[in-house]
Amino acid sequence: MSSDTSNEKVTEIDLDESYAWCKSLAKKTAGNFYYSFLTLPAVRQRDMCVLYAFMRVSDDLGDDGDLPVAERSQLLRVWRDDLTAALDGSRFGHALFPALADMVNRCGVPHEHLFAVLDGIEMDLDPKGFETFDELSQYCYRVAGAVGLCCIHVWGFHDERAIDRAIDCGLAFQLTNILRDLGEDAAMGRTYLPREDLRRFGYSAEDIAAQQYNEQFVELMQFEAERARSYFRRAEELHGYLEPAGKPIFQAMLQIYGGLLDAIERRNYDVYSSRVSLPRWRKLLISFDAIVRQRWLKGRSQGSDVRDQKSEISGDV
């Protein structure tokens, strides 16, 4: 495990120091996510850094290839116990936990969403693959949908329909990640695409491991990309259920992950030859554009309110 996400035990840490630790980690390692954080007000940006730090440290515990699976499994069990203790305020076993407990309490993040993420990480310790898309969806809920549910509590939402759409959003993002990382995951013994889909298009897990780029592969990827698109379309409804502060970050994340899917399609699904990514300037531009658009819409709304108030006053006179 890298020193950035060290699981060094701490007995006491100042809350401000904990928040600073989370922000430092996010700035160093968050990549796509951190650019979207820039669209948030300062406090919520800080809260997202905390949420990201929890996800990152948890992922690193499960993905540390230098450790045997049994040891990683034990570390995750200890981490789960540490999370429980931090959330009930009895013990903070890591530098991020004081900030995490404070953020979860203020934002009303349901604890079960954090534990669902750990469930998903544990599934990757013994990757058996998935027979059906329903099985894959359950995994995606744990590693991404539950993250989306945490996010909307940080951003704020005013309609319970946001819950289902946040899950759809997580599924769209995770499917995009799966398509992008197909070859890399196979090298680690992980094949996420459902076996029923592989059989349908005459492709196999062995073909993925061998990075076979052929007509069957392109047809398979077209099918999976359209499936991801369908979840992106459903996720777009979330915009209407969020509080104003959360709309820009959601829009930025949609554009960034949608942009990755666009890039996969433009290269005719060749995700084997090189890693698909968006340039830094484009991610910054997306974030900046989301901020400007939201402020413009807010200004128009406020101007409309002022005009309505003037009309009411004129009418009263």
C-alpha atoms as a PDB file:
ATOM      1  CA  MET A   1       0.000   0.000   0.000  1.00  0.00           C
ATOM      2  CA  SER A   2       1.244   3.491  -0.781  1.00  0.00           C
ATOM      3  CA  SER A   3       2.222   5.860   1.982  1.00  0.00           C
ATOM      4  CA  ASP A   4      -0.580   8.213   0.869  1.00  0.00           C
ATOM      5  CA  THR A   5      -3.193   5.843   2.238  1.00  0.00           C
ATOM      6  CA  SER A   6      -1.276   4.328   5.130  1.00  0.00           C
ATOM      7  CA  ASN A   7      -3.445   2.552   7.701  1.00  0.00           C
ATOM      8  CA  GLU A   8      -1.232   3.754  10.548  1.00  0.00           C
ATOM      9  CA  LYS A   9      -3.173   3.740  13.807  1.00  0.00           C
ATOM     10  CA  VAL A  10      -3.798   7.012  15.549  1.00  0.00           C
ATOM     11  CA  THR A  11      -5.036   7.528  19.077  1.00  0.00           C
ATOM     12  CA  GLU A  12      -5.934  11.183  18.819  1.00  0.00           C
ATOM     13  CA  ILE A  13      -6.149  13.632  15.940  1.00  0.00           C
ATOM     14  CA  ASP A  14      -7.529  17.121  15.595  1.00  0.00           C
ATOM     15  CA  LEU A  15     -10.657  17.377  13.431  1.00  0.00           C
ATOM     16  CA  ASP A  16      -9.135  20.088  11.243  1.00  0.00           C
ATOM     17  CA  GLU A  17      -6.042  17.921  10.728  1.00  0.00           C
ATOM     18  CA  SER A  18      -8.265  15.047   9.676  1.00  0.00           C
ATOM     19  CA  TYR A  19     -10.040  17.203   7.102  1.00  0.00           C
ATOM     20  CA  ALA A  20      -6.667  18.463   5.849  1.00  0.00           C
ATOM     21  CA  TRP A  21      -5.398  14.886   5.484  1.00  0.00           C
ATOM     22  CA  CYS A  22      -8.424  13.936   3.386  1.00  0.00           C
ATOM     23  CA  LYS A  23      -8.085  16.995   1.159  1.00  0.00           C
ATOM     24  CA  SER A  24      -4.390  16.312   0.581  1.00  0.00           C
ATOM     25  CA  LEU A  25      -5.106  12.717  -0.436  1.00  0.00           C
ATOM     26  CA  ALA A  26      -7.914  13.765  -2.784  1.00  0.00           C
ATOM     27  CA  LYS A  27      -5.750  16.390  -4.505  1.00  0.00           C
ATOM     28  CA  LYS A  28      -3.005  13.817  -5.085  1.00  0.00           C
ATOM     29  CA  THR A  29      -5.050  10.869  -6.241  1.00  0.00           C
ATOM     30  CA  ALA A  30      -8.702  11.639  -7.036  1.00  0.00           C
ATOM     31  CA  GLY A  31      -8.195  12.234 -10.768  1.00  0.00           C
ATOM     32  CA  ASN A  32     -11.569  12.526 -12.521  1.00  0.00           C
ATOM     33  CA  PHE A  33     -13.404  13.014  -9.250  1.00  0.00           C
ATOM     34  CA  TYR A  34     -11.303  15.880  -7.929  1.00  0.00           C
ATOM     35  CA  TYR A  35     -11.930  18.093 -10.959  1.00  0.00           C
ATOM     36  CA  SER A  36     -15.658  17.795 -10.352  1.00  0.00           C
ATOM     37  CA  PHE A  37     -15.214  18.688  -6.659  1.00  0.00           C
ATOM     38  CA  LEU A  38     -14.173  22.172  -7.762  1.00  0.00           C
ATOM     39  CA  THR A  39     -17.782  22.943  -8.685  1.00  0.00           C
ATOM     40  CA  LEU A  40     -18.973  22.703  -5.064  1.00  0.00           C
ATOM     41  CA  PRO A  41     -19.128  25.336  -2.308  1.00  0.00           C
ATOM     42  CA  ALA A  42     -16.084  25.101  -0.019  1.00  0.00           C
ATOM     43  CA  VAL A  43     -17.697  23.093   2.793  1.00  0.00           C
ATOM     44  CA  ARG A  44     -19.258  20.520   0.498  1.00  0.00           C
ATOM     45  CA  GLN A  45     -16.044  20.313  -1.517  1.00  0.00           C
ATOM     46  CA  ARG A  46     -14.293  19.460   1.742  1.00  0.00           C
ATOM     47  CA  ASP A  47     -16.939  16.838   2.530  1.00  0.00           C
ATOM     48  CA  MET A  48     -16.460  15.196  -0.862  1.00  0.00           C
ATOM     49  CA  CYS A  49     -12.724  14.984  -0.202  1.00  0.00           C
ATOM     50  CA  VAL A  50     -13.538  13.085   2.985  1.00  0.00           C
ATOM     51  CA  LEU A  51     -15.877  10.704   1.183  1.00  0.00           C
ATOM     52  CA  TYR A  52     -13.295  10.149  -1.530  1.00  0.00           C
ATOM     53  CA  ALA A  53     -10.557   9.488   1.061  1.00  0.00           C
ATOM     54  CA  PHE A  54     -12.672   6.775   2.666  1.00  0.00           C
ATOM     55  CA  MET A  55     -13.290   5.124  -0.702  1.00  0.00           C
ATOM     56  CA  ARG A  56      -9.633   5.373  -1.697  1.00  0.00           C
ATOM     57  CA  VAL A  57      -8.195   3.905   1.503  1.00  0.00           C
ATOM     58  CA  SER A  58     -10.786   1.124   1.442  1.00  0.00           C
ATOM     59  CA  ASP A  59      -9.993   0.296  -2.202  1.00  0.00           C
ATOM     60  CA  ASP A  60      -6.280   0.238  -1.509  1.00  0.00           C
ATOM     61  CA  LEU A  61      -6.746  -2.266   1.293  1.00  0.00           C
ATOM     62  CA  GLY A  62      -8.496  -4.632  -1.109  1.00  0.00           C
ATOM     63  CA  ASP A  63      -6.224  -4.038  -4.107  1.00  0.00           C
ATOM     64  CA  ASP A  64      -2.768  -4.264  -2.493  1.00  0.00           C
ATOM     65  CA  GLY A  65      -1.234  -6.909  -4.746  1.00  0.00           C
ATOM     66  CA  ASP A  66       1.840  -7.167  -2.517  1.00  0.00           C
ATOM     67  CA  LEU A  67      -0.240  -8.884   0.158  1.00  0.00           C
ATOM     68  CA  PRO A  68      -1.880 -12.327  -0.016  1.00  0.00           C
ATOM     69  CA  VAL A  69      -5.651 -12.394  -0.268  1.00  0.00           C
ATOM     70  CA  ALA A  70      -6.066 -13.789   3.249  1.00  0.00           C
ATOM     71  CA  GLU A  71      -4.139 -10.876   4.722  1.00  0.00           C
ATOM     72  CA  ARG A  72      -6.122  -8.317   2.704  1.00  0.00           C
ATOM     73  CA  SER A  73      -9.337  -9.965   3.872  1.00  0.00           C
ATOM     74  CA  GLN A  74      -8.209  -9.650   7.480  1.00  0.00           C
ATOM     75  CA  LEU A  75      -7.254  -5.992   6.980  1.00  0.00           C
ATOM     76  CA  LEU A  76     -10.715  -5.282   5.577  1.00  0.00           C
ATOM     77  CA  ARG A  77     -12.351  -6.974   8.568  1.00  0.00           C
ATOM     78  CA  VAL A  78     -10.318  -4.760  10.898  1.00  0.00           C
ATOM     79  CA  TRP A  79     -11.173  -1.731   8.740  1.00  0.00           C
ATOM     80  CA  ARG A  80     -14.867  -2.581   9.007  1.00  0.00           C
ATOM     81  CA  ASP A  81     -14.552  -2.724  12.795  1.00  0.00           C
ATOM     82  CA  ASP A  82     -12.664   0.584  12.774  1.00  0.00           C
ATOM     83  CA  LEU A  83     -15.435   2.160  10.691  1.00  0.00           C
ATOM     84  CA  THR A  84     -18.067   0.937  13.140  1.00  0.00           C
ATOM     85  CA  ALA A  85     -16.119   2.378  16.075  1.00  0.00           C
ATOM     86  CA  ALA A  86     -15.572   5.702  14.297  1.00  0.00           C
ATOM     87  CA  LEU A  87     -19.243   6.111  13.405  1.00  0.00           C
ATOM     88  CA  ASP A  88     -20.362   5.497  16.975  1.00  0.00           C
ATOM     89  CA  GLY A  89     -17.648   7.843  18.237  1.00  0.00           C
ATOM     90  CA  SER A  90     -15.866   5.316  20.430  1.00  0.00           C
ATOM     91  CA  ARG A  91     -12.531   5.166  18.596  1.00  0.00           C
ATOM     92  CA  PHE A  92     -10.766   6.748  15.622  1.00  0.00           C
ATOM     93  CA  GLY A  93      -8.303   4.242  14.219  1.00  0.00           C
ATOM     94  CA  HIS A  94      -7.168   6.231  11.185  1.00  0.00           C
ATOM     95  CA  ALA A  95      -6.431   9.852  10.329  1.00  0.00           C
ATOM     96  CA  LEU A  96      -9.523  10.154   8.109  1.00  0.00           C
ATOM     97  CA  PHE A  97     -12.062   8.875  10.626  1.00  0.00           C
ATOM     98  CA  PRO A  98     -12.660  12.039  12.710  1.00  0.00           C
ATOM     99  CA  ALA A  99     -13.573  13.942   9.528  1.00  0.00           C
ATOM    100  CA  LEU A 100     -15.607  11.035   8.165  1.00  0.00           C
ATOM    101  CA  ALA A 101     -17.669  10.695  11.345  1.00  0.00           C
ATOM    102  CA  ASP A 102     -18.266  14.462  11.426  1.00  0.00           C
ATOM    103  CA  MET A 103     -19.263  14.605   7.748  1.00  0.00           C
ATOM    104  CA  VAL A 104     -21.572  11.589   7.970  1.00  0.00           C
ATOM    105  CA  ASN A 105     -23.321  13.068  10.992  1.00  0.00           C
ATOM    106  CA  ARG A 106     -23.786  16.535   9.461  1.00  0.00           C
ATOM    107  CA  CYS A 107     -24.902  15.297   6.045  1.00  0.00           C
ATOM    108  CA  GLY A 108     -27.070  12.442   7.300  1.00  0.00           C
ATOM    109  CA  VAL A 109     -25.279   9.801   5.227  1.00  0.00           C
ATOM    110  CA  PRO A 110     -26.860   6.413   6.055  1.00  0.00           C
ATOM    111  CA  HIS A 111     -24.165   4.163   7.516  1.00  0.00           C
ATOM    112  CA  GLU A 112     -25.247   1.162   5.474  1.00  0.00           C
ATOM    113  CA  HIS A 113     -24.032   2.824   2.268  1.00  0.00           C
ATOM    114  CA  LEU A 114     -20.467   2.924   3.581  1.00  0.00           C
ATOM    115  CA  PHE A 115     -20.604  -0.723   4.620  1.00  0.00           C
ATOM    116  CA  ALA A 116     -22.051  -1.671   1.220  1.00  0.00           C
ATOM    117  CA  VAL A 117     -18.899  -0.262  -0.379  1.00  0.00           C
ATOM    118  CA  LEU A 118     -16.791  -2.573   1.795  1.00  0.00           C
ATOM    119  CA  ASP A 119     -18.992  -5.500   0.754  1.00  0.00           C
ATOM    120  CA  GLY A 120     -18.193  -4.729  -2.881  1.00  0.00           C
ATOM    121  CA  ILE A 121     -14.458  -4.471  -2.247  1.00  0.00           C
ATOM    122  CA  GLU A 122     -14.524  -7.845  -0.498  1.00  0.00           C
ATOM    123  CA  MET A 123     -16.182  -9.371  -3.578  1.00  0.00           C
ATOM    124  CA  ASP A 124     -13.056  -8.501  -5.568  1.00  0.00           C
ATOM    125  CA  LEU A 125     -10.836 -10.531  -3.261  1.00  0.00           C
ATOM    126  CA  ASP A 126     -12.218 -13.732  -4.752  1.00  0.00           C
ATOM    127  CA  PRO A 127     -13.426 -12.703  -8.216  1.00  0.00           C
ATOM    128  CA  LYS A 128     -15.759 -15.349  -9.574  1.00  0.00           C
ATOM    129  CA  GLY A 129     -17.209 -13.206 -12.333  1.00  0.00           C
ATOM    130  CA  PHE A 130     -20.899 -12.834 -13.057  1.00  0.00           C
ATOM    131  CA  GLU A 131     -23.244 -15.091 -14.939  1.00  0.00           C
ATOM    132  CA  THR A 132     -25.933 -12.487 -15.574  1.00  0.00           C
ATOM    133  CA  PHE A 133     -26.274  -8.728 -15.752  1.00  0.00           C
ATOM    134  CA  ASP A 134     -28.456  -8.818 -12.628  1.00  0.00           C
ATOM    135  CA  GLU A 135     -25.508 -10.281 -10.717  1.00  0.00           C
ATOM    136  CA  LEU A 136     -23.185  -7.617 -12.114  1.00  0.00           C
ATOM    137  CA  SER A 137     -25.711  -4.939 -11.154  1.00  0.00           C
ATOM    138  CA  GLN A 138     -25.566  -6.049  -7.520  1.00  0.00           C
ATOM    139  CA  TYR A 139     -21.802  -5.669  -7.542  1.00  0.00           C
ATOM    140  CA  CYS A 140     -22.049  -2.261  -9.234  1.00  0.00           C
ATOM    141  CA  TYR A 141     -24.540  -1.126  -6.603  1.00  0.00           C
ATOM    142  CA  ARG A 142     -22.056  -1.900  -3.855  1.00  0.00           C
ATOM    143  CA  VAL A 143     -18.972  -0.308  -5.387  1.00  0.00           C
ATOM    144  CA  ALA A 144     -20.643   2.596  -7.208  1.00  0.00           C
ATOM    145  CA  GLY A 145     -24.370   2.932  -6.548  1.00  0.00           C
ATOM    146  CA  ALA A 146     -23.800   3.146  -2.802  1.00  0.00           C
ATOM    147  CA  VAL A 147     -21.165   5.803  -3.467  1.00  0.00           C
ATOM    148  CA  GLY A 148     -23.754   7.761  -5.455  1.00  0.00           C
ATOM    149  CA  LEU A 149     -26.152   7.548  -2.524  1.00  0.00           C
ATOM    150  CA  CYS A 150     -23.474   8.947  -0.217  1.00  0.00           C
ATOM    151  CA  CYS A 151     -22.828  11.754  -2.710  1.00  0.00           C
ATOM    152  CA  ILE A 152     -26.410  12.971  -2.918  1.00  0.00           C
ATOM    153  CA  HIS A 153     -26.525  13.281   0.872  1.00  0.00           C
ATOM    154  CA  VAL A 154     -23.446  15.498   0.705  1.00  0.00           C
ATOM    155  CA  TRP A 155     -24.834  17.560  -2.185  1.00  0.00           C
ATOM    156  CA  GLY A 156     -28.420  17.748  -0.909  1.00  0.00           C
ATOM    157  CA  PHE A 157     -31.623  16.510  -2.581  1.00  0.00           C
ATOM    158  CA  HIS A 158     -35.311  17.303  -2.200  1.00  0.00           C
ATOM    159  CA  ASP A 159     -37.059  14.367  -3.884  1.00  0.00           C
ATOM    160  CA  GLU A 160     -36.917  10.687  -2.903  1.00  0.00           C
ATOM    161  CA  ARG A 161     -36.716   9.763  -6.591  1.00  0.00           C
ATOM    162  CA  ALA A 162     -33.104  10.928  -6.357  1.00  0.00           C
ATOM    163  CA  ILE A 163     -32.259   7.640  -4.639  1.00  0.00           C
ATOM    164  CA  ASP A 164     -33.030   5.383  -7.621  1.00  0.00           C
ATOM    165  CA  ARG A 165     -31.462   7.811 -10.079  1.00  0.00           C
ATOM    166  CA  ALA A 166     -28.271   8.001  -7.990  1.00  0.00           C
ATOM    167  CA  ILE A 167     -28.040   4.209  -8.178  1.00  0.00           C
ATOM    168  CA  ASP A 168     -28.492   4.401 -11.969  1.00  0.00           C
ATOM    169  CA  CYS A 169     -25.745   7.012 -12.102  1.00  0.00           C
ATOM    170  CA  GLY A 170     -23.357   4.772 -10.200  1.00  0.00           C
ATOM    171  CA  LEU A 171     -24.164   1.909 -12.551  1.00  0.00           C
ATOM    172  CA  ALA A 172     -23.511   4.073 -15.617  1.00  0.00           C
ATOM    173  CA  PHE A 173     -20.143   5.191 -14.252  1.00  0.00           C
ATOM    174  CA  GLN A 174     -19.091   1.699 -13.166  1.00  0.00           C
ATOM    175  CA  LEU A 175     -20.031   0.136 -16.506  1.00  0.00           C
ATOM    176  CA  THR A 176     -17.910   2.805 -18.205  1.00  0.00           C
ATOM    177  CA  ASN A 177     -14.990   1.960 -15.916  1.00  0.00           C
ATOM    178  CA  ILE A 178     -15.420  -1.751 -16.642  1.00  0.00           C
ATOM    179  CA  LEU A 179     -15.273  -1.182 -20.398  1.00  0.00           C
ATOM    180  CA  ARG A 180     -12.259   1.113 -20.113  1.00  0.00           C
ATOM    181  CA  ASP A 181     -10.299  -1.224 -17.812  1.00  0.00           C
ATOM    182  CA  LEU A 182     -11.171  -4.520 -19.480  1.00  0.00           C
ATOM    183  CA  GLY A 183      -7.613  -5.591 -20.213  1.00  0.00           C
ATOM    184  CA  GLU A 184      -6.122  -4.328 -16.952  1.00  0.00           C
ATOM    185  CA  ASP A 185      -8.760  -6.117 -14.879  1.00  0.00           C
ATOM    186  CA  ALA A 186      -8.226  -9.349 -16.807  1.00  0.00           C
ATOM    187  CA  ALA A 187      -4.518  -9.187 -15.960  1.00  0.00           C
ATOM    188  CA  MET A 188      -5.568  -9.253 -12.283  1.00  0.00           C
ATOM    189  CA  GLY A 189      -7.870 -12.228 -12.865  1.00  0.00           C
ATOM    190  CA  ARG A 190     -11.071 -10.175 -12.938  1.00  0.00           C
ATOM    191  CA  THR A 191     -13.660 -10.393 -15.708  1.00  0.00           C
ATOM    192  CA  TYR A 192     -16.709  -8.273 -14.989  1.00  0.00           C
ATOM    193  CA  LEU A 193     -18.721  -8.616 -18.200  1.00  0.00           C
ATOM    194  CA  PRO A 194     -21.532 -11.161 -17.709  1.00  0.00           C
ATOM    195  CA  ARG A 195     -20.820 -14.613 -19.093  1.00  0.00           C
ATOM    196  CA  GLU A 196     -24.262 -14.621 -20.744  1.00  0.00           C
ATOM    197  CA  ASP A 197     -23.147 -11.598 -22.808  1.00  0.00           C
ATOM    198  CA  LEU A 198     -19.818 -13.186 -23.723  1.00  0.00           C
ATOM    199  CA  ARG A 199     -21.577 -16.305 -24.997  1.00  0.00           C
ATOM    200  CA  ARG A 200     -24.084 -14.215 -26.944  1.00  0.00           C
ATOM    201  CA  PHE A 201     -21.318 -12.586 -28.979  1.00  0.00           C
ATOM    202  CA  GLY A 202     -18.966 -15.560 -29.238  1.00  0.00           C
ATOM    203  CA  TYR A 203     -16.284 -14.003 -27.076  1.00  0.00           C
ATOM    204  CA  SER A 204     -14.720 -15.360 -23.879  1.00  0.00           C
ATOM    205  CA  ALA A 205     -12.854 -14.410 -20.722  1.00  0.00           C
ATOM    206  CA  GLU A 206      -9.802 -16.035 -22.285  1.00  0.00           C
ATOM    207  CA  ASP A 207     -10.167 -13.750 -25.310  1.00  0.00           C
ATOM    208  CA  ILE A 208     -10.228 -10.737 -22.976  1.00  0.00           C
ATOM    209  CA  ALA A 209      -7.093 -11.971 -21.203  1.00  0.00           C
ATOM    210  CA  ALA A 210      -5.403 -12.416 -24.602  1.00  0.00           C
ATOM    211  CA  GLN A 211      -6.698  -8.975 -25.675  1.00  0.00           C
ATOM    212  CA  GLN A 212      -8.280 -10.324 -28.838  1.00  0.00           C
ATOM    213  CA  TYR A 213      -9.591  -7.394 -30.859  1.00  0.00           C
ATOM    214  CA  ASN A 214     -11.967  -8.721 -33.511  1.00  0.00           C
ATOM    215  CA  GLU A 215     -15.475  -8.305 -34.899  1.00  0.00           C
ATOM    216  CA  GLN A 216     -17.058 -10.273 -32.061  1.00  0.00           C
ATOM    217  CA  PHE A 217     -15.340  -8.015 -29.534  1.00  0.00           C
ATOM    218  CA  VAL A 218     -16.544  -4.832 -31.244  1.00  0.00           C
ATOM    219  CA  GLU A 219     -20.130  -6.119 -31.320  1.00  0.00           C
ATOM    220  CA  LEU A 220     -19.915  -7.064 -27.638  1.00  0.00           C
ATOM    221  CA  MET A 221     -18.568  -3.635 -26.722  1.00  0.00           C
ATOM    222  CA  GLN A 222     -21.242  -1.866 -28.772  1.00  0.00           C
ATOM    223  CA  PHE A 223     -23.883  -3.772 -26.830  1.00  0.00           C
ATOM    224  CA  GLU A 224     -22.326  -2.950 -23.445  1.00  0.00           C
ATOM    225  CA  ALA A 225     -21.763   0.702 -24.360  1.00  0.00           C
ATOM    226  CA  GLU A 226     -25.422   1.122 -25.318  1.00  0.00           C
ATOM    227  CA  ARG A 227     -26.406  -0.484 -22.022  1.00  0.00           C
ATOM    228  CA  ALA A 228     -24.245   2.086 -20.223  1.00  0.00           C
ATOM    229  CA  ARG A 229     -25.859   4.855 -22.303  1.00  0.00           C
ATOM    230  CA  SER A 230     -29.302   3.742 -21.168  1.00  0.00           C
ATOM    231  CA  TYR A 231     -28.259   4.215 -17.544  1.00  0.00           C
ATOM    232  CA  PHE A 232     -26.722   7.588 -18.323  1.00  0.00           C
ATOM    233  CA  ARG A 233     -30.087   8.667 -19.765  1.00  0.00           C
ATOM    234  CA  ARG A 234     -31.912   7.550 -16.645  1.00  0.00           C
ATOM    235  CA  ALA A 235     -29.296   9.172 -14.415  1.00  0.00           C
ATOM    236  CA  GLU A 236     -29.846  12.549 -16.088  1.00  0.00           C
ATOM    237  CA  GLU A 237     -33.174  12.819 -14.242  1.00  0.00           C
ATOM    238  CA  LEU A 238     -31.220  13.170 -10.993  1.00  0.00           C
ATOM    239  CA  HIS A 239     -30.399  16.769 -11.933  1.00  0.00           C
ATOM    240  CA  GLY A 240     -33.983  17.829 -11.220  1.00  0.00           C
ATOM    241  CA  TYR A 241     -33.998  16.234  -7.760  1.00  0.00           C
ATOM    242  CA  LEU A 242     -30.803  17.829  -6.410  1.00  0.00           C
ATOM    243  CA  GLU A 243     -30.393  20.993  -4.414  1.00  0.00           C
ATOM    244  CA  PRO A 244     -28.756  23.821  -6.426  1.00  0.00           C
ATOM    245  CA  ALA A 245     -25.312  23.315  -4.870  1.00  0.00           C
ATOM    246  CA  GLY A 246     -25.175  19.732  -6.139  1.00  0.00           C
ATOM    247  CA  LYS A 247     -26.239  20.352  -9.720  1.00  0.00           C
ATOM    248  CA  PRO A 248     -22.870  21.575 -11.115  1.00  0.00           C
ATOM    249  CA  ILE A 249     -20.840  18.665  -9.714  1.00  0.00           C
ATOM    250  CA  PHE A 250     -23.391  16.175 -10.963  1.00  0.00           C
ATOM    251  CA  GLN A 251     -23.347  17.753 -14.424  1.00  0.00           C
ATOM    252  CA  ALA A 252     -19.550  17.759 -14.463  1.00  0.00           C
ATOM    253  CA  MET A 253     -19.353  14.100 -13.472  1.00  0.00           C
ATOM    254  CA  LEU A 254     -21.894  13.151 -16.140  1.00  0.00           C
ATOM    255  CA  GLN A 255     -19.824  14.942 -18.779  1.00  0.00           C
ATOM    256  CA  ILE A 256     -16.523  13.483 -17.610  1.00  0.00           C
ATOM    257  CA  TYR A 257     -17.721   9.879 -17.526  1.00  0.00           C
ATOM    258  CA  GLY A 258     -19.870  10.353 -20.602  1.00  0.00           C
ATOM    259  CA  GLY A 259     -16.747  11.750 -22.259  1.00  0.00           C
ATOM    260  CA  LEU A 260     -14.857   8.566 -21.408  1.00  0.00           C
ATOM    261  CA  LEU A 261     -17.585   6.495 -23.036  1.00  0.00           C
ATOM    262  CA  ASP A 262     -17.465   8.793 -26.080  1.00  0.00           C
ATOM    263  CA  ALA A 263     -13.708   8.274 -26.285  1.00  0.00           C
ATOM    264  CA  ILE A 264     -14.114   4.492 -26.141  1.00  0.00           C
ATOM    265  CA  GLU A 265     -16.600   4.638 -29.020  1.00  0.00           C
ATOM    266  CA  ARG A 266     -14.431   6.979 -31.106  1.00  0.00           C
ATOM    267  CA  ARG A 267     -11.548   4.527 -31.061  1.00  0.00           C
ATOM    268  CA  ASN A 268     -13.969   1.790 -32.154  1.00  0.00           C
ATOM    269  CA  TYR A 269     -13.770   0.165 -28.717  1.00  0.00           C
ATOM    270  CA  ASP A 270     -10.046  -0.552 -28.816  1.00  0.00           C
ATOM    271  CA  VAL A 271      -9.402  -0.366 -25.073  1.00  0.00           C
ATOM    272  CA  TYR A 272      -6.504  -2.817 -25.309  1.00  0.00           C
ATOM    273  CA  SER A 273      -3.811  -0.791 -27.078  1.00  0.00           C
ATOM    274  CA  SER A 274      -3.752   2.116 -24.594  1.00  0.00           C
ATOM    275  CA  ARG A 275      -5.723   3.432 -21.643  1.00  0.00           C
ATOM    276  CA  VAL A 276      -8.669   5.680 -22.476  1.00  0.00           C
ATOM    277  CA  SER A 277      -8.630   8.996 -20.617  1.00  0.00           C
ATOM    278  CA  LEU A 278      -9.634  12.622 -20.945  1.00  0.00           C
ATOM    279  CA  PRO A 279      -6.903  15.280 -21.013  1.00  0.00           C
ATOM    280  CA  ARG A 280      -6.549  17.404 -17.892  1.00  0.00           C
ATOM    281  CA  TRP A 281      -7.505  20.589 -19.742  1.00  0.00           C
ATOM    282  CA  ARG A 282     -10.800  19.079 -20.829  1.00  0.00           C
ATOM    283  CA  LYS A 283     -11.735  17.958 -17.322  1.00  0.00           C
ATOM    284  CA  LEU A 284     -10.947  21.428 -16.014  1.00  0.00           C
ATOM    285  CA  LEU A 285     -13.005  22.983 -18.808  1.00  0.00           C
ATOM    286  CA  ILE A 286     -15.972  20.734 -18.019  1.00  0.00           C
ATOM    287  CA  SER A 287     -15.839  21.725 -14.358  1.00  0.00           C
ATOM    288  CA  PHE A 288     -15.490  25.410 -15.173  1.00  0.00           C
ATOM    289  CA  ASP A 289     -18.358  25.248 -17.656  1.00  0.00           C
ATOM    290  CA  ALA A 290     -20.612  23.568 -15.080  1.00  0.00           C
ATOM    291  CA  ILE A 291     -19.864  26.318 -12.551  1.00  0.00           C
ATOM    292  CA  VAL A 292     -20.507  29.129 -15.049  1.00  0.00           C
ATOM    293  CA  ARG A 293     -23.726  27.574 -16.341  1.00  0.00           C
ATOM    294  CA  GLN A 294     -25.113  27.090 -12.837  1.00  0.00           C
ATOM    295  CA  ARG A 295     -24.276  30.655 -11.795  1.00  0.00           C
ATOM    296  CA  TRP A 296     -25.858  32.010 -14.986  1.00  0.00           C
ATOM    297  CA  LEU A 297     -29.041  30.036 -14.359  1.00  0.00           C
ATOM    298  CA  LYS A 298     -29.061  31.175 -10.740  1.00  0.00           C
ATOM    299  CA  GLY A 299     -28.670  34.785 -11.865  1.00  0.00           C
ATOM    300  CA  ARG A 300     -31.555  34.442 -14.318  1.00  0.00           C
ATOM    301  CA  SER A 301     -33.723  32.910 -11.606  1.00  0.00           C
ATOM    302  CA  GLN A 302     -32.938  35.698  -9.178  1.00  0.00           C
ATOM    303  CA  GLY A 303     -33.610  38.301 -11.862  1.00  0.00           C
ATOM    304  CA  SER A 304     -36.949  36.680 -12.615  1.00  0.00           C
ATOM    305  CA  ASP A 305     -37.820  36.727  -8.912  1.00  0.00           C
ATOM    306  CA  VAL A 306     -37.012  40.457  -8.738  1.00  0.00           C
ATOM    307  CA  ARG A 307     -39.203  41.176 -11.787  1.00  0.00           C
ATOM    308  CA  ASP A 308     -42.061  39.157 -10.287  1.00  0.00           C
ATOM    309  CA  GLN A 309     -41.768  41.068  -7.035  1.00  0.00           C
ATOM    310  CA  LYS A 310     -41.871  44.405  -8.919  1.00  0.00           C
ATOM    311  CA  SER A 311     -44.954  43.268 -10.828  1.00  0.00           C
ATOM    312  CA  GLU A 312     -46.687  42.314  -7.570  1.00  0.00           C
ATOM    313  CA  ILE A 313     -45.837  45.699  -6.061  1.00  0.00           C
ATOM    314  CA  SER A 314     -47.116  47.524  -9.167  1.00  0.00           C
ATOM    315  CA  GLY A 315     -50.300  45.511  -9.064  1.00  0.00           C
ATOM    316  CA  ASP A 316     -50.860  46.324  -5.391  1.00  0.00           C
ATOM    317  CA  VAL A 317     -50.403  50.032  -6.115  1.00  0.00           C
END
